[in-house]
N, C-alpha and C. Protein backbone atom coordinates (compact mmCIF):
# COMPACT_ATOMS: atom_id res chain seq x y z
N MET A 1 4.36 10.33 8.40
CA MET A 1 5.03 11.21 7.47
C MET A 1 4.08 12.37 7.15
N GLU A 2 4.64 13.54 7.13
CA GLU A 2 3.84 14.72 6.82
C GLU A 2 3.49 14.75 5.33
N ARG A 3 2.44 15.46 5.02
CA ARG A 3 1.95 15.56 3.65
C ARG A 3 3.02 16.16 2.72
N ARG A 4 3.67 17.23 3.16
CA ARG A 4 4.72 17.86 2.34
C ARG A 4 5.86 16.91 2.06
N SER A 5 6.27 16.20 3.05
CA SER A 5 7.36 15.25 2.90
C SER A 5 6.97 14.15 1.92
N PHE A 6 5.74 13.64 2.04
CA PHE A 6 5.24 12.61 1.14
C PHE A 6 5.23 13.10 -0.30
N ILE A 7 4.72 14.32 -0.52
CA ILE A 7 4.66 14.88 -1.88
C ILE A 7 6.07 15.08 -2.43
N LYS A 8 6.98 15.56 -1.60
CA LYS A 8 8.37 15.78 -2.03
C LYS A 8 8.99 14.46 -2.49
N TRP A 9 8.88 13.40 -1.70
CA TRP A 9 9.48 12.11 -2.04
C TRP A 9 8.80 11.46 -3.23
N THR A 10 7.51 11.65 -3.36
CA THR A 10 6.80 11.12 -4.53
C THR A 10 7.29 11.82 -5.79
N GLY A 11 7.48 13.14 -5.72
CA GLY A 11 8.00 13.90 -6.85
C GLY A 11 9.40 13.47 -7.25
N ILE A 12 10.24 13.25 -6.26
CA ILE A 12 11.62 12.82 -6.53
C ILE A 12 11.62 11.44 -7.18
N ALA A 13 10.79 10.53 -6.68
CA ALA A 13 10.73 9.19 -7.25
C ALA A 13 10.24 9.23 -8.70
N THR A 14 9.23 10.06 -8.97
CA THR A 14 8.70 10.19 -10.32
C THR A 14 9.75 10.78 -11.26
N LEU A 15 10.42 11.83 -10.82
CA LEU A 15 11.47 12.47 -11.62
C LEU A 15 12.59 11.48 -11.93
N THR A 16 12.99 10.70 -10.95
CA THR A 16 14.04 9.71 -11.15
C THR A 16 13.63 8.68 -12.20
N ALA A 17 12.40 8.21 -12.13
CA ALA A 17 11.91 7.24 -13.10
C ALA A 17 11.88 7.82 -14.51
N VAL A 18 11.43 9.05 -14.66
CA VAL A 18 11.35 9.69 -15.96
C VAL A 18 12.75 9.91 -16.55
N VAL A 19 13.67 10.43 -15.75
CA VAL A 19 15.03 10.69 -16.22
C VAL A 19 15.69 9.37 -16.63
N SER A 20 15.50 8.33 -15.84
CA SER A 20 16.06 7.03 -16.17
C SER A 20 15.54 6.52 -17.51
N LYS A 21 14.26 6.64 -17.75
CA LYS A 21 13.65 6.19 -19.00
C LYS A 21 14.18 6.99 -20.19
N VAL A 22 14.29 8.30 -20.03
CA VAL A 22 14.78 9.16 -21.11
C VAL A 22 16.23 8.82 -21.45
N LEU A 23 17.06 8.67 -20.44
CA LEU A 23 18.47 8.37 -20.68
C LEU A 23 18.65 7.00 -21.33
N SER A 24 17.88 6.01 -20.92
CA SER A 24 18.02 4.69 -21.52
C SER A 24 17.56 4.69 -22.97
N SER A 25 16.58 5.49 -23.31
CA SER A 25 16.12 5.53 -24.70
C SER A 25 17.09 6.27 -25.59
N CYS A 26 17.87 7.19 -25.07
CA CYS A 26 18.84 7.93 -25.88
C CYS A 26 20.02 7.06 -26.27
N GLY A 27 20.42 6.18 -25.40
CA GLY A 27 21.61 5.39 -25.64
C GLY A 27 21.42 4.23 -26.58
N GLY A 28 20.23 3.74 -26.76
CA GLY A 28 20.04 2.54 -27.54
C GLY A 28 19.19 2.74 -28.75
N GLN A 29 19.48 3.75 -29.54
CA GLN A 29 18.68 4.02 -30.71
C GLN A 29 18.83 2.88 -31.71
N VAL A 30 17.72 2.27 -32.10
CA VAL A 30 17.71 1.28 -33.17
C VAL A 30 16.65 1.73 -34.15
N LYS A 31 17.10 2.07 -35.35
CA LYS A 31 16.17 2.55 -36.36
C LYS A 31 15.14 1.49 -36.68
N SER A 32 13.92 1.93 -36.93
CA SER A 32 12.86 0.99 -37.30
C SER A 32 13.31 0.20 -38.51
N GLY A 33 13.19 -1.10 -38.41
CA GLY A 33 13.66 -1.95 -39.49
C GLY A 33 15.00 -2.59 -39.18
N SER A 34 15.74 -2.03 -38.22
CA SER A 34 16.98 -2.66 -37.79
C SER A 34 16.66 -3.62 -36.68
N SER A 35 17.52 -4.60 -36.50
CA SER A 35 17.27 -5.55 -35.43
C SER A 35 18.56 -5.90 -34.74
N THR A 36 18.43 -6.41 -33.56
CA THR A 36 19.57 -6.90 -32.82
C THR A 36 19.41 -8.41 -32.69
N PRO A 37 20.30 -9.18 -33.28
CA PRO A 37 20.16 -10.62 -33.14
C PRO A 37 20.22 -10.98 -31.66
N PRO A 38 19.30 -11.82 -31.17
CA PRO A 38 19.27 -12.15 -29.75
C PRO A 38 20.60 -12.71 -29.27
N SER A 39 21.22 -13.53 -30.06
CA SER A 39 22.55 -14.01 -29.70
C SER A 39 23.21 -14.53 -30.96
N ALA A 40 24.37 -13.98 -31.25
CA ALA A 40 25.10 -14.47 -32.41
C ALA A 40 25.85 -15.72 -31.98
N ALA A 41 25.91 -16.68 -32.89
CA ALA A 41 26.57 -17.94 -32.57
C ALA A 41 28.07 -17.70 -32.41
N VAL A 42 28.60 -18.08 -31.26
CA VAL A 42 30.02 -17.91 -31.00
C VAL A 42 30.63 -19.29 -30.81
N SER A 43 31.62 -19.58 -31.62
CA SER A 43 32.31 -20.86 -31.48
C SER A 43 33.78 -20.57 -31.26
N GLU A 44 34.57 -21.61 -31.27
CA GLU A 44 36.00 -21.45 -31.05
C GLU A 44 36.73 -21.08 -32.35
N SER A 45 36.00 -20.81 -33.43
CA SER A 45 36.64 -20.48 -34.69
C SER A 45 37.18 -19.05 -34.66
N GLU A 46 37.76 -18.64 -35.77
CA GLU A 46 38.30 -17.29 -35.89
C GLU A 46 37.22 -16.25 -36.12
N PHE A 47 36.00 -16.69 -36.42
CA PHE A 47 34.93 -15.78 -36.78
C PHE A 47 33.70 -15.94 -35.89
N ILE A 48 32.94 -14.87 -35.75
CA ILE A 48 31.68 -14.87 -35.02
C ILE A 48 30.57 -14.72 -36.04
N ASP A 49 29.56 -15.59 -35.95
CA ASP A 49 28.42 -15.56 -36.86
C ASP A 49 27.43 -14.51 -36.36
N LEU A 50 27.23 -13.44 -37.17
CA LEU A 50 26.36 -12.34 -36.78
C LEU A 50 24.93 -12.50 -37.26
N GLY A 51 24.69 -13.39 -38.21
CA GLY A 51 23.34 -13.58 -38.74
C GLY A 51 23.39 -13.92 -40.20
N GLY A 52 22.21 -14.11 -40.77
CA GLY A 52 22.10 -14.50 -42.17
C GLY A 52 21.89 -13.32 -43.10
N MET A 53 22.25 -13.54 -44.35
CA MET A 53 22.05 -12.52 -45.37
C MET A 53 20.56 -12.22 -45.55
N ASP A 54 19.70 -13.23 -45.31
CA ASP A 54 18.26 -13.01 -45.43
C ASP A 54 17.78 -12.01 -44.38
N GLU A 55 18.32 -12.09 -43.16
CA GLU A 55 17.96 -11.12 -42.11
C GLU A 55 18.41 -9.71 -42.51
N LEU A 56 19.61 -9.62 -43.04
CA LEU A 56 20.17 -8.33 -43.46
C LEU A 56 19.35 -7.74 -44.60
N ALA A 57 18.93 -8.59 -45.54
CA ALA A 57 18.13 -8.12 -46.67
C ALA A 57 16.77 -7.59 -46.21
N GLU A 58 16.20 -8.22 -45.20
CA GLU A 58 14.90 -7.78 -44.68
C GLU A 58 14.97 -6.42 -44.01
N THR A 59 16.00 -6.20 -43.23
CA THR A 59 16.07 -5.01 -42.37
C THR A 59 17.00 -3.92 -42.90
N GLY A 60 17.94 -4.28 -43.73
CA GLY A 60 18.92 -3.31 -44.22
C GLY A 60 20.13 -3.16 -43.31
N SER A 61 19.98 -3.56 -42.04
CA SER A 61 21.11 -3.51 -41.12
C SER A 61 20.88 -4.49 -39.98
N LEU A 62 21.97 -4.87 -39.35
CA LEU A 62 21.94 -5.73 -38.16
C LEU A 62 22.81 -5.10 -37.09
N ARG A 63 22.48 -5.37 -35.85
CA ARG A 63 23.33 -4.94 -34.73
C ARG A 63 23.77 -6.17 -33.95
N TYR A 64 25.00 -6.08 -33.44
CA TYR A 64 25.54 -7.15 -32.61
C TYR A 64 26.23 -6.51 -31.42
N GLN A 65 25.95 -7.03 -30.25
CA GLN A 65 26.58 -6.54 -29.01
C GLN A 65 27.68 -7.52 -28.63
N THR A 66 28.92 -7.05 -28.55
CA THR A 66 30.03 -7.93 -28.18
C THR A 66 29.97 -8.23 -26.68
N PRO A 67 30.63 -9.29 -26.26
CA PRO A 67 30.66 -9.60 -24.82
C PRO A 67 31.23 -8.46 -23.99
N SER A 68 32.12 -7.64 -24.57
CA SER A 68 32.69 -6.52 -23.83
C SER A 68 31.81 -5.27 -23.87
N GLY A 69 30.67 -5.35 -24.58
CA GLY A 69 29.73 -4.23 -24.58
C GLY A 69 29.79 -3.33 -25.79
N ASN A 70 30.71 -3.60 -26.73
CA ASN A 70 30.77 -2.79 -27.94
C ASN A 70 29.62 -3.16 -28.87
N SER A 71 29.09 -2.17 -29.55
CA SER A 71 27.98 -2.40 -30.47
C SER A 71 28.48 -2.30 -31.90
N ILE A 72 28.13 -3.30 -32.71
CA ILE A 72 28.57 -3.36 -34.10
C ILE A 72 27.35 -3.22 -35.00
N LEU A 73 27.47 -2.38 -36.02
CA LEU A 73 26.42 -2.17 -37.01
C LEU A 73 26.87 -2.81 -38.32
N VAL A 74 26.05 -3.71 -38.85
CA VAL A 74 26.34 -4.38 -40.13
C VAL A 74 25.36 -3.82 -41.15
N VAL A 75 25.88 -3.35 -42.29
CA VAL A 75 25.04 -2.77 -43.34
C VAL A 75 25.36 -3.41 -44.68
N GLN A 76 24.41 -3.28 -45.61
CA GLN A 76 24.60 -3.77 -46.98
C GLN A 76 24.10 -2.70 -47.92
N SER A 77 24.99 -2.20 -48.79
CA SER A 77 24.62 -1.10 -49.67
C SER A 77 24.07 -1.55 -51.02
N SER A 78 24.27 -2.81 -51.38
CA SER A 78 23.66 -3.35 -52.60
C SER A 78 23.40 -4.83 -52.36
N ASN A 79 22.92 -5.53 -53.37
CA ASN A 79 22.50 -6.91 -53.17
C ASN A 79 23.60 -7.96 -53.26
N ASP A 80 24.85 -7.57 -53.35
CA ASP A 80 25.90 -8.58 -53.41
C ASP A 80 26.65 -8.66 -52.08
N ALA A 81 27.28 -9.80 -51.86
CA ALA A 81 27.99 -10.05 -50.60
C ALA A 81 29.17 -9.10 -50.40
N GLN A 82 29.71 -8.55 -51.49
CA GLN A 82 30.83 -7.63 -51.39
C GLN A 82 30.46 -6.30 -50.76
N SER A 83 29.17 -6.00 -50.71
CA SER A 83 28.73 -4.71 -50.17
C SER A 83 28.33 -4.78 -48.70
N VAL A 84 28.70 -5.86 -48.02
CA VAL A 84 28.43 -6.00 -46.59
C VAL A 84 29.62 -5.43 -45.81
N HIS A 85 29.32 -4.52 -44.88
CA HIS A 85 30.36 -3.87 -44.08
C HIS A 85 29.93 -3.88 -42.62
N ALA A 86 30.91 -3.92 -41.71
CA ALA A 86 30.63 -3.88 -40.28
C ALA A 86 31.44 -2.76 -39.64
N PHE A 87 30.76 -1.98 -38.80
CA PHE A 87 31.37 -0.82 -38.15
C PHE A 87 31.00 -0.76 -36.68
N SER A 88 31.79 0.00 -35.94
CA SER A 88 31.36 0.37 -34.60
C SER A 88 30.13 1.24 -34.78
N SER A 89 29.10 1.04 -33.96
CA SER A 89 27.90 1.87 -34.09
C SER A 89 28.00 3.15 -33.29
N VAL A 90 29.22 3.51 -32.88
CA VAL A 90 29.45 4.72 -32.10
C VAL A 90 30.01 5.81 -33.01
N CYS A 91 29.33 6.94 -33.06
CA CYS A 91 29.78 8.08 -33.88
C CYS A 91 31.11 8.59 -33.36
N THR A 92 32.00 8.94 -34.28
CA THR A 92 33.33 9.42 -33.91
C THR A 92 33.32 10.88 -33.45
N HIS A 93 32.18 11.55 -33.52
CA HIS A 93 32.09 12.93 -33.07
C HIS A 93 31.93 13.02 -31.55
N ARG A 94 30.81 12.53 -31.04
CA ARG A 94 30.53 12.63 -29.61
C ARG A 94 30.07 11.31 -28.98
N GLY A 95 30.15 10.21 -29.71
CA GLY A 95 29.86 8.92 -29.12
C GLY A 95 28.40 8.48 -29.13
N CYS A 96 27.55 9.16 -29.89
CA CYS A 96 26.15 8.73 -30.00
C CYS A 96 26.07 7.49 -30.89
N ASN A 97 24.95 6.78 -30.83
CA ASN A 97 24.74 5.62 -31.70
C ASN A 97 24.35 6.08 -33.10
N VAL A 98 24.91 5.40 -34.09
CA VAL A 98 24.56 5.69 -35.48
C VAL A 98 23.61 4.62 -35.98
N THR A 99 22.87 4.94 -37.03
CA THR A 99 21.92 4.00 -37.63
C THR A 99 22.06 4.02 -39.14
N TRP A 100 21.64 2.93 -39.77
CA TRP A 100 21.66 2.81 -41.22
C TRP A 100 20.40 3.45 -41.78
N LYS A 101 20.57 4.38 -42.71
CA LYS A 101 19.45 5.03 -43.39
C LYS A 101 19.27 4.32 -44.73
N THR A 102 18.40 3.33 -44.75
CA THR A 102 18.22 2.49 -45.93
C THR A 102 17.88 3.33 -47.16
N HIS A 103 16.95 4.25 -47.03
CA HIS A 103 16.51 5.05 -48.17
C HIS A 103 17.65 5.90 -48.74
N ASP A 104 18.51 6.42 -47.87
CA ASP A 104 19.62 7.28 -48.32
C ASP A 104 20.91 6.50 -48.57
N GLN A 105 20.92 5.20 -48.20
CA GLN A 105 22.10 4.36 -48.36
C GLN A 105 23.31 4.96 -47.67
N MET A 106 23.11 5.43 -46.42
CA MET A 106 24.22 5.96 -45.63
C MET A 106 23.95 5.76 -44.15
N ILE A 107 24.97 5.93 -43.36
CA ILE A 107 24.89 5.79 -41.91
C ILE A 107 24.78 7.20 -41.34
N GLY A 108 23.84 7.39 -40.42
CA GLY A 108 23.61 8.71 -39.86
C GLY A 108 23.62 8.74 -38.35
N CYS A 109 24.01 9.88 -37.82
CA CYS A 109 23.98 10.13 -36.38
C CYS A 109 22.94 11.21 -36.12
N ALA A 110 21.91 10.85 -35.38
CA ALA A 110 20.82 11.78 -35.11
C ALA A 110 21.20 12.87 -34.12
N CYS A 111 22.24 12.65 -33.34
CA CYS A 111 22.60 13.63 -32.30
C CYS A 111 23.06 14.97 -32.87
N HIS A 112 24.00 14.93 -33.81
CA HIS A 112 24.57 16.18 -34.33
C HIS A 112 24.61 16.24 -35.85
N GLY A 113 24.00 15.26 -36.53
CA GLY A 113 23.85 15.33 -37.97
C GLY A 113 24.98 14.79 -38.82
N SER A 114 25.93 14.09 -38.23
CA SER A 114 27.00 13.51 -39.04
C SER A 114 26.44 12.39 -39.91
N ASN A 115 26.99 12.26 -41.12
CA ASN A 115 26.61 11.18 -42.03
C ASN A 115 27.87 10.50 -42.54
N PHE A 116 27.77 9.18 -42.71
CA PHE A 116 28.89 8.36 -43.15
C PHE A 116 28.45 7.53 -44.34
N SER A 117 29.39 7.24 -45.23
CA SER A 117 29.09 6.40 -46.40
C SER A 117 28.91 4.96 -45.95
N SER A 118 28.50 4.11 -46.87
CA SER A 118 28.35 2.68 -46.55
C SER A 118 29.70 2.02 -46.31
N GLU A 119 30.79 2.74 -46.58
CA GLU A 119 32.13 2.26 -46.28
C GLU A 119 32.68 2.88 -45.00
N GLY A 120 31.86 3.71 -44.32
CA GLY A 120 32.25 4.30 -43.04
C GLY A 120 32.94 5.65 -43.12
N ASP A 121 33.15 6.17 -44.34
CA ASP A 121 33.82 7.46 -44.50
C ASP A 121 32.86 8.61 -44.18
N VAL A 122 33.41 9.71 -43.67
CA VAL A 122 32.60 10.88 -43.33
C VAL A 122 32.10 11.54 -44.60
N LEU A 123 30.77 11.72 -44.69
CA LEU A 123 30.16 12.46 -45.80
C LEU A 123 29.82 13.88 -45.37
N GLN A 124 29.42 14.00 -44.11
CA GLN A 124 29.00 15.31 -43.57
C GLN A 124 29.33 15.33 -42.09
N GLY A 125 29.95 16.42 -41.64
CA GLY A 125 30.33 16.58 -40.24
C GLY A 125 29.18 16.99 -39.37
N PRO A 126 29.47 17.14 -38.12
CA PRO A 126 30.73 17.55 -37.52
C PRO A 126 31.77 16.46 -37.30
N ALA A 127 31.43 15.18 -37.43
CA ALA A 127 32.45 14.13 -37.28
C ALA A 127 33.55 14.34 -38.31
N GLN A 128 34.79 14.08 -37.90
CA GLN A 128 35.91 14.24 -38.81
C GLN A 128 36.64 12.93 -39.08
N GLN A 129 36.39 11.93 -38.24
CA GLN A 129 37.03 10.62 -38.38
C GLN A 129 36.03 9.61 -38.91
N PRO A 130 36.48 8.66 -39.74
CA PRO A 130 35.57 7.61 -40.21
C PRO A 130 35.18 6.68 -39.06
N LEU A 131 34.14 5.89 -39.27
CA LEU A 131 33.74 4.90 -38.28
C LEU A 131 34.78 3.78 -38.21
N GLN A 132 34.95 3.20 -37.03
CA GLN A 132 35.84 2.05 -36.88
C GLN A 132 35.24 0.89 -37.66
N GLN A 133 36.05 0.29 -38.52
CA GLN A 133 35.55 -0.80 -39.36
C GLN A 133 36.08 -2.14 -38.86
N TYR A 134 35.25 -3.18 -38.99
CA TYR A 134 35.61 -4.54 -38.61
C TYR A 134 35.73 -5.40 -39.85
N SER A 135 36.61 -6.41 -39.78
CA SER A 135 36.76 -7.36 -40.88
C SER A 135 35.54 -8.26 -40.93
N VAL A 136 34.88 -8.31 -42.08
CA VAL A 136 33.66 -9.09 -42.24
C VAL A 136 33.74 -9.88 -43.55
N LYS A 137 33.13 -11.07 -43.53
CA LYS A 137 33.03 -11.85 -44.76
C LYS A 137 31.68 -12.57 -44.75
N VAL A 138 31.28 -13.02 -45.93
CA VAL A 138 30.03 -13.77 -46.07
C VAL A 138 30.38 -15.14 -46.62
N GLU A 139 29.94 -16.18 -45.91
CA GLU A 139 30.14 -17.57 -46.34
C GLU A 139 28.84 -18.32 -46.16
N GLU A 140 28.42 -19.00 -47.21
CA GLU A 140 27.19 -19.78 -47.17
C GLU A 140 26.02 -18.98 -46.61
N GLU A 141 25.91 -17.74 -47.08
CA GLU A 141 24.81 -16.84 -46.71
C GLU A 141 24.83 -16.43 -45.24
N ARG A 142 25.96 -16.61 -44.54
CA ARG A 142 26.11 -16.20 -43.15
C ARG A 142 27.11 -15.06 -43.09
N ILE A 143 26.84 -14.07 -42.25
CA ILE A 143 27.72 -12.91 -42.08
C ILE A 143 28.64 -13.21 -40.91
N LEU A 144 29.94 -13.19 -41.19
CA LEU A 144 30.94 -13.53 -40.19
C LEU A 144 31.87 -12.35 -39.96
N ILE A 145 32.18 -12.10 -38.69
CA ILE A 145 33.12 -11.02 -38.36
C ILE A 145 34.34 -11.65 -37.70
N GLU A 146 35.50 -11.14 -38.05
CA GLU A 146 36.73 -11.69 -37.52
C GLU A 146 36.81 -11.47 -36.01
N ARG A 147 36.95 -12.57 -35.28
CA ARG A 147 36.97 -12.53 -33.82
C ARG A 147 38.07 -11.61 -33.29
N SER A 148 39.24 -11.63 -33.90
CA SER A 148 40.36 -10.84 -33.39
C SER A 148 40.13 -9.34 -33.54
N SER A 149 39.22 -8.93 -34.43
CA SER A 149 38.96 -7.50 -34.60
C SER A 149 37.94 -6.98 -33.59
N VAL A 150 37.27 -7.90 -32.88
CA VAL A 150 36.27 -7.52 -31.89
C VAL A 150 36.90 -7.65 -30.51
N VAL A 151 37.02 -6.55 -29.83
CA VAL A 151 37.64 -6.56 -28.50
C VAL A 151 36.59 -6.45 -27.44
């Protein structure tokens, strides 16, 4: 192989690796302090166990990946079980991942600056639609999401 050809192919391989790394990091934004449960317990019941309230209290938010690939963001805006909400973690503006901003008590999209309330409503655009919300309940300190609402 000639020197020019070798340098050309080495450059292409390096560029491919860099672009791949950049693209993968853009798609899976997880704010520091948020976590993804390694595997939520799935049984034959009507609900999927996403994790414990203690985990949510530590991090401020939890993420769950459905078997079909949808990402769910669970947030808690105050210390009671009634303030636990679950949403699609996909921004309704352009499809970027959203994260829970614990300090601001809102959900934010870093791509274009949209902000959503802890109930999923739009606080600041460019997004115009609220986040998709999932049915969630807390029983015995476990966060459960209704299986039929997760596709």
